[in-house]
Amino acid sequence: MSAFTGALPDERGRFRRERLNAGLSTPGWSAHIFHLGPHAVGLAVLRGLDTEEHILSSFFVA
């Protein structure tokens, strides 16, 4: 996504974590890791799960 948003990692090589943290701890949010066999190949963070409209907040595909 950096090519589209211009976001760059911090000095530790990490991107912002607010959405991931919310996906792991906030009601109405969830985080999912996708696997192909034993390998993790993607991550998605969803929000609005407690409303009529669900939103794919963030995703990453390896």
PDB file of N, CA and C in Angstrom:
ATOM      1  N   MET A   1       0.811  -1.194   0.000  1.00  0.00           N
ATOM      2  CA  MET A   1       0.000   0.000   0.000  1.00  0.00           C
ATOM      3  C   MET A   1       0.855   1.259   0.000  1.00  0.00           C
ATOM      4  N   SER A   2       2.096   1.169   0.389  1.00  0.00           N
ATOM      5  CA  SER A   2       2.939   2.359   0.437  1.00  0.00           C
ATOM      6  C   SER A   2       3.018   3.059  -0.905  1.00  0.00           C
ATOM      7  N   ALA A   3       2.980   2.278  -1.990  1.00  0.00           N
ATOM      8  CA  ALA A   3       3.048   2.883  -3.323  1.00  0.00           C
ATOM      9  C   ALA A   3       1.844   3.778  -3.580  1.00  0.00           C
ATOM     10  N   PHE A   4       0.733   3.504  -2.915  1.00  0.00           N
ATOM     11  CA  PHE A   4      -0.485   4.285  -3.138  1.00  0.00           C
ATOM     12  C   PHE A   4      -0.683   5.377  -2.097  1.00  0.00           C
ATOM     13  N   THR A   5      -0.269   5.111  -0.857  1.00  0.00           N
ATOM     14  CA  THR A   5      -0.528   6.077   0.213  1.00  0.00           C
ATOM     15  C   THR A   5       0.678   6.933   0.555  1.00  0.00           C
ATOM     16  N   GLY A   6       1.868   6.489   0.156  1.00  0.00           N
ATOM     17  CA  GLY A   6       3.076   7.221   0.504  1.00  0.00           C
ATOM     18  C   GLY A   6       3.549   6.949   1.920  1.00  0.00           C
ATOM     19  N   ALA A   7       2.875   6.028   2.638  1.00  0.00           N
ATOM     20  CA  ALA A   7       3.269   5.717   4.011  1.00  0.00           C
ATOM     21  C   ALA A   7       4.622   5.025   4.022  1.00  0.00           C
ATOM     22  N   LEU A   8       5.448   5.406   4.965  1.00  0.00           N
ATOM     23  CA  LEU A   8       6.766   4.809   5.125  1.00  0.00           C
ATOM     24  C   LEU A   8       6.889   4.219   6.522  1.00  0.00           C
ATOM     25  N   PRO A   9       7.699   3.186   6.676  1.00  0.00           N
ATOM     26  CA  PRO A   9       7.897   2.614   8.013  1.00  0.00           C
ATOM     27  C   PRO A   9       8.678   3.568   8.903  1.00  0.00           C
ATOM     28  N   ASP A  10       8.541   3.345  10.216  1.00  0.00           N
ATOM     29  CA  ASP A  10       9.294   4.166  11.162  1.00  0.00           C
ATOM     30  C   ASP A  10      10.745   3.693  11.234  1.00  0.00           C
ATOM     31  N   GLU A  11      11.497   4.242  12.171  1.00  0.00           N
ATOM     32  CA  GLU A  11      12.915   3.923  12.280  1.00  0.00           C
ATOM     33  C   GLU A  11      13.167   2.454  12.642  1.00  0.00           C
ATOM     34  N   ARG A  12      12.138   1.755  13.138  1.00  0.00           N
ATOM     35  CA  ARG A  12      12.260   0.330  13.476  1.00  0.00           C
ATOM     36  C   ARG A  12      11.754  -0.567  12.347  1.00  0.00           C
ATOM     37  N   GLY A  13      11.370   0.030  11.227  1.00  0.00           N
ATOM     38  CA  GLY A  13      10.882  -0.753  10.095  1.00  0.00           C
ATOM     39  C   GLY A  13       9.430  -1.151  10.206  1.00  0.00           C
ATOM     40  N   ARG A  14       8.691  -0.490  11.076  1.00  0.00           N
ATOM     41  CA  ARG A  14       7.294  -0.826  11.324  1.00  0.00           C
ATOM     42  C   ARG A  14       6.365   0.251  10.794  1.00  0.00           C
ATOM     43  N   PHE A  15       5.200  -0.191  10.356  1.00  0.00           N
ATOM     44  CA  PHE A  15       4.150   0.733   9.939  1.00  0.00           C
ATOM     45  C   PHE A  15       3.207   0.986  11.111  1.00  0.00           C
ATOM     46  N   ARG A  16       2.305   1.923  10.952  1.00  0.00           N
ATOM     47  CA  ARG A  16       1.347   2.259  12.006  1.00  0.00           C
ATOM     48  C   ARG A  16       0.570   1.011  12.439  1.00  0.00           C
ATOM     49  N   ARG A  17       0.244   0.925  13.725  1.00  0.00           N
ATOM     50  CA  ARG A  17      -0.400  -0.255  14.288  1.00  0.00           C
ATOM     51  C   ARG A  17      -1.813  -0.015  14.798  1.00  0.00           C
ATOM     52  N   GLU A  18      -2.363   1.181  14.662  1.00  0.00           N
ATOM     53  CA  GLU A  18      -3.640   1.495  15.279  1.00  0.00           C
ATOM     54  C   GLU A  18      -4.755   0.543  14.840  1.00  0.00           C
ATOM     55  N   ARG A  19      -4.814   0.249  13.547  1.00  0.00           N
ATOM     56  CA  ARG A  19      -5.886  -0.621  13.058  1.00  0.00           C
ATOM     57  C   ARG A  19      -5.692  -2.053  13.520  1.00  0.00           C
ATOM     58  N   LEU A  20      -4.460  -2.548  13.508  1.00  0.00           N
ATOM     59  CA  LEU A  20      -4.211  -3.892  13.990  1.00  0.00           C
ATOM     60  C   LEU A  20      -4.562  -4.002  15.472  1.00  0.00           C
ATOM     61  N   ASN A  21      -4.136  -3.039  16.264  1.00  0.00           N
ATOM     62  CA  ASN A  21      -4.462  -3.048  17.689  1.00  0.00           C
ATOM     63  C   ASN A  21      -5.969  -3.044  17.902  1.00  0.00           C
ATOM     64  N   ALA A  22      -6.687  -2.237  17.130  1.00  0.00           N
ATOM     65  CA  ALA A  22      -8.145  -2.203  17.245  1.00  0.00           C
ATOM     66  C   ALA A  22      -8.744  -3.551  16.844  1.00  0.00           C
ATOM     67  N   GLY A  23      -8.215  -4.165  15.796  1.00  0.00           N
ATOM     68  CA  GLY A  23      -8.713  -5.460  15.352  1.00  0.00           C
ATOM     69  C   GLY A  23      -8.534  -6.550  16.380  1.00  0.00           C
ATOM     70  N   LEU A  24      -7.553  -6.398  17.231  1.00  0.00           N
ATOM     71  CA  LEU A  24      -7.284  -7.399  18.258  1.00  0.00           C
ATOM     72  C   LEU A  24      -8.003  -7.133  19.569  1.00  0.00           C
ATOM     73  N   SER A  25      -8.499  -5.905  19.782  1.00  0.00           N
ATOM     74  CA  SER A  25      -9.025  -5.600  21.118  1.00  0.00           C
ATOM     75  C   SER A  25     -10.313  -4.789  21.165  1.00  0.00           C
ATOM     76  N   THR A  26     -10.786  -4.249  20.052  1.00  0.00           N
ATOM     77  CA  THR A  26     -11.948  -3.374  20.075  1.00  0.00           C
ATOM     78  C   THR A  26     -13.203  -4.122  19.631  1.00  0.00           C
ATOM     79  N   PRO A  27     -14.301  -4.016  20.402  1.00  0.00           N
ATOM     80  CA  PRO A  27     -15.548  -4.649  19.972  1.00  0.00           C
ATOM     81  C   PRO A  27     -15.979  -4.132  18.596  1.00  0.00           C
ATOM     82  N   GLY A  28     -16.469  -5.035  17.750  1.00  0.00           N
ATOM     83  CA  GLY A  28     -16.894  -4.665  16.408  1.00  0.00           C
ATOM     84  C   GLY A  28     -15.779  -4.699  15.380  1.00  0.00           C
ATOM     85  N   TRP A  29     -14.559  -5.012  15.819  1.00  0.00           N
ATOM     86  CA  TRP A  29     -13.403  -5.132  14.949  1.00  0.00           C
ATOM     87  C   TRP A  29     -12.901  -6.576  15.025  1.00  0.00           C
ATOM     88  N   SER A  30     -12.184  -7.036  13.996  1.00  0.00           N
ATOM     89  CA  SER A  30     -11.509  -8.333  14.056  1.00  0.00           C
ATOM     90  C   SER A  30     -10.310  -8.319  13.119  1.00  0.00           C
ATOM     91  N   ALA A  31      -9.342  -9.157  13.458  1.00  0.00           N
ATOM     92  CA  ALA A  31      -8.145  -9.305  12.632  1.00  0.00           C
ATOM     93  C   ALA A  31      -8.033 -10.770  12.238  1.00  0.00           C
ATOM     94  N   HIS A  32      -7.643 -11.035  10.985  1.00  0.00           N
ATOM     95  CA  HIS A  32      -7.567 -12.395  10.466  1.00  0.00           C
ATOM     96  C   HIS A  32      -6.256 -12.599   9.718  1.00  0.00           C
ATOM     97  N   ILE A  33      -5.616 -13.723   9.966  1.00  0.00           N
ATOM     98  CA  ILE A  33      -4.430 -14.126   9.212  1.00  0.00           C
ATOM     99  C   ILE A  33      -4.860 -15.235   8.257  1.00  0.00           C
ATOM    100  N   PHE A  34      -4.449 -15.133   7.005  1.00  0.00           N
ATOM    101  CA  PHE A  34      -4.791 -16.127   5.999  1.00  0.00           C
ATOM    102  C   PHE A  34      -3.568 -16.993   5.714  1.00  0.00           C
ATOM    103  N   HIS A  35      -3.799 -18.295   5.597  1.00  0.00           N
ATOM    104  CA  HIS A  35      -2.728 -19.261   5.370  1.00  0.00           C
ATOM    105  C   HIS A  35      -2.937 -20.005   4.063  1.00  0.00           C
ATOM    106  N   LEU A  36      -1.846 -20.368   3.447  1.00  0.00           N
ATOM    107  CA  LEU A  36      -1.834 -21.288   2.317  1.00  0.00           C
ATOM    108  C   LEU A  36      -0.931 -22.427   2.764  1.00  0.00           C
ATOM    109  N   GLY A  37      -1.538 -23.535   3.160  1.00  0.00           N
ATOM    110  CA  GLY A  37      -0.770 -24.591   3.800  1.00  0.00           C
ATOM    111  C   GLY A  37      -0.213 -24.060   5.102  1.00  0.00           C
ATOM    112  N   PRO A  38       1.066 -24.278   5.385  1.00  0.00           N
ATOM    113  CA  PRO A  38       1.643 -23.823   6.648  1.00  0.00           C
ATOM    114  C   PRO A  38       2.112 -22.361   6.620  1.00  0.00           C
ATOM    115  N   HIS A  39       1.945 -21.680   5.498  1.00  0.00           N
ATOM    116  CA  HIS A  39       2.506 -20.341   5.335  1.00  0.00           C
ATOM    117  C   HIS A  39       1.444 -19.248   5.476  1.00  0.00           C
ATOM    118  N   ALA A  40       1.758 -18.233   6.255  1.00  0.00           N
ATOM    119  CA  ALA A  40       0.893 -17.052   6.333  1.00  0.00           C
ATOM    120  C   ALA A  40       1.049 -16.269   5.029  1.00  0.00           C
ATOM    121  N   VAL A  41      -0.063 -15.940   4.378  1.00  0.00           N
ATOM    122  CA  VAL A  41       0.008 -15.251   3.091  1.00  0.00           C
ATOM    123  C   VAL A  41      -0.753 -13.930   3.080  1.00  0.00           C
ATOM    124  N   GLY A  42      -1.462 -13.610   4.159  1.00  0.00           N
ATOM    125  CA  GLY A  42      -2.193 -12.357   4.163  1.00  0.00           C
ATOM    126  C   GLY A  42      -2.748 -12.019   5.532  1.00  0.00           C
ATOM    127  N   LEU A  43      -3.171 -10.780   5.662  1.00  0.00           N
ATOM    128  CA  LEU A  43      -3.752 -10.265   6.891  1.00  0.00           C
ATOM    129  C   LEU A  43      -4.867  -9.311   6.509  1.00  0.00           C
ATOM    130  N   ALA A  44      -5.984  -9.378   7.221  1.00  0.00           N
ATOM    131  CA  ALA A  44      -7.078  -8.435   7.004  1.00  0.00           C
ATOM    132  C   ALA A  44      -7.595  -7.961   8.353  1.00  0.00           C
ATOM    133  N   VAL A  45      -7.930  -6.679   8.437  1.00  0.00           N
ATOM    134  CA  VAL A  45      -8.561  -6.110   9.619  1.00  0.00           C
ATOM    135  C   VAL A  45      -9.925  -5.595   9.185  1.00  0.00           C
ATOM    136  N   LEU A  46     -10.956  -6.064   9.873  1.00  0.00           N
ATOM    137  CA  LEU A  46     -12.336  -5.684   9.563  1.00  0.00           C
ATOM    138  C   LEU A  46     -12.897  -4.858  10.701  1.00  0.00           C
ATOM    139  N   ARG A  47     -13.794  -3.937  10.349  1.00  0.00           N
ATOM    140  CA  ARG A  47     -14.479  -3.151  11.383  1.00  0.00           C
ATOM    141  C   ARG A  47     -15.941  -3.011  11.009  1.00  0.00           C
ATOM    142  N   GLY A  48     -16.722  -2.540  11.949  1.00  0.00           N
ATOM    143  CA  GLY A  48     -18.154  -2.401  11.711  1.00  0.00           C
ATOM    144  C   GLY A  48     -18.891  -3.721  11.802  1.00  0.00           C
ATOM    145  N   LEU A  49     -18.293  -4.702  12.454  1.00  0.00           N
ATOM    146  CA  LEU A  49     -18.925  -6.016  12.541  1.00  0.00           C
ATOM    147  C   LEU A  49     -20.166  -6.001  13.421  1.00  0.00           C
ATOM    148  N   ASP A  50     -20.334  -4.963  14.207  1.00  0.00           N
ATOM    149  CA  ASP A  50     -21.515  -4.817  15.045  1.00  0.00           C
ATOM    150  C   ASP A  50     -22.542  -3.863  14.417  1.00  0.00           C
ATOM    151  N   THR A  51     -22.358  -3.544  13.136  1.00  0.00           N
ATOM    152  CA  THR A  51     -23.299  -2.687  12.414  1.00  0.00           C
ATOM    153  C   THR A  51     -23.748  -3.403  11.147  1.00  0.00           C
ATOM    154  N   GLU A  52     -24.669  -2.798  10.444  1.00  0.00           N
ATOM    155  CA  GLU A  52     -25.180  -3.397   9.215  1.00  0.00           C
ATOM    156  C   GLU A  52     -24.142  -3.400   8.093  1.00  0.00           C
ATOM    157  N   GLU A  53     -23.277  -2.404   8.074  1.00  0.00           N
ATOM    158  CA  GLU A  53     -22.252  -2.283   7.035  1.00  0.00           C
ATOM    159  C   GLU A  53     -20.894  -2.661   7.603  1.00  0.00           C
ATOM    160  N   HIS A  54     -20.276  -3.728   7.079  1.00  0.00           N
ATOM    161  CA  HIS A  54     -18.943  -4.158   7.490  1.00  0.00           C
ATOM    162  C   HIS A  54     -17.915  -3.524   6.557  1.00  0.00           C
ATOM    163  N   ILE A  55     -16.745  -3.197   7.108  1.00  0.00           N
ATOM    164  CA  ILE A  55     -15.714  -2.493   6.346  1.00  0.00           C
ATOM    165  C   ILE A  55     -14.391  -3.238   6.438  1.00  0.00           C
ATOM    166  N   LEU A  56     -13.775  -3.475   5.288  1.00  0.00           N
ATOM    167  CA  LEU A  56     -12.422  -4.015   5.248  1.00  0.00           C
ATOM    168  C   LEU A  56     -11.502  -2.827   5.492  1.00  0.00           C
ATOM    169  N   SER A  57     -10.998  -2.722   6.705  1.00  0.00           N
ATOM    170  CA  SER A  57     -10.240  -1.559   7.123  1.00  0.00           C
ATOM    171  C   SER A  57      -8.813  -1.573   6.596  1.00  0.00           C
ATOM    172  N   SER A  58      -8.175  -2.743   6.616  1.00  0.00           N
ATOM    173  CA  SER A  58      -6.789  -2.876   6.168  1.00  0.00           C
ATOM    174  C   SER A  58      -6.583  -4.292   5.651  1.00  0.00           C
ATOM    175  N   PHE A  59      -5.639  -4.436   4.722  1.00  0.00           N
ATOM    176  CA  PHE A  59      -5.274  -5.763   4.262  1.00  0.00           C
ATOM    177  C   PHE A  59      -3.849  -5.773   3.767  1.00  0.00           C
ATOM    178  N   PHE A  60      -3.272  -6.953   3.770  1.00  0.00           N
ATOM    179  CA  PHE A  60      -1.921  -7.145   3.285  1.00  0.00           C
ATOM    180  C   PHE A  60      -1.849  -8.541   2.675  1.00  0.00           C
ATOM    181  N   VAL A  61      -1.270  -8.662   1.525  1.00  0.00           N
ATOM    182  CA  VAL A  61      -1.064  -9.954   0.885  1.00  0.00           C
ATOM    183  C   VAL A  61       0.416 -10.103   0.597  1.00  0.00           C
ATOM    184  N   ALA A  62       0.982 -11.233   1.022  1.00  0.00           N
ATOM    185  CA  ALA A  62       2.414 -11.471   0.831  1.00  0.00           C
ATOM    186  C   ALA A  62       2.674 -12.062  -0.533  1.00  0.00           C
TER     187      ALA A  62
END
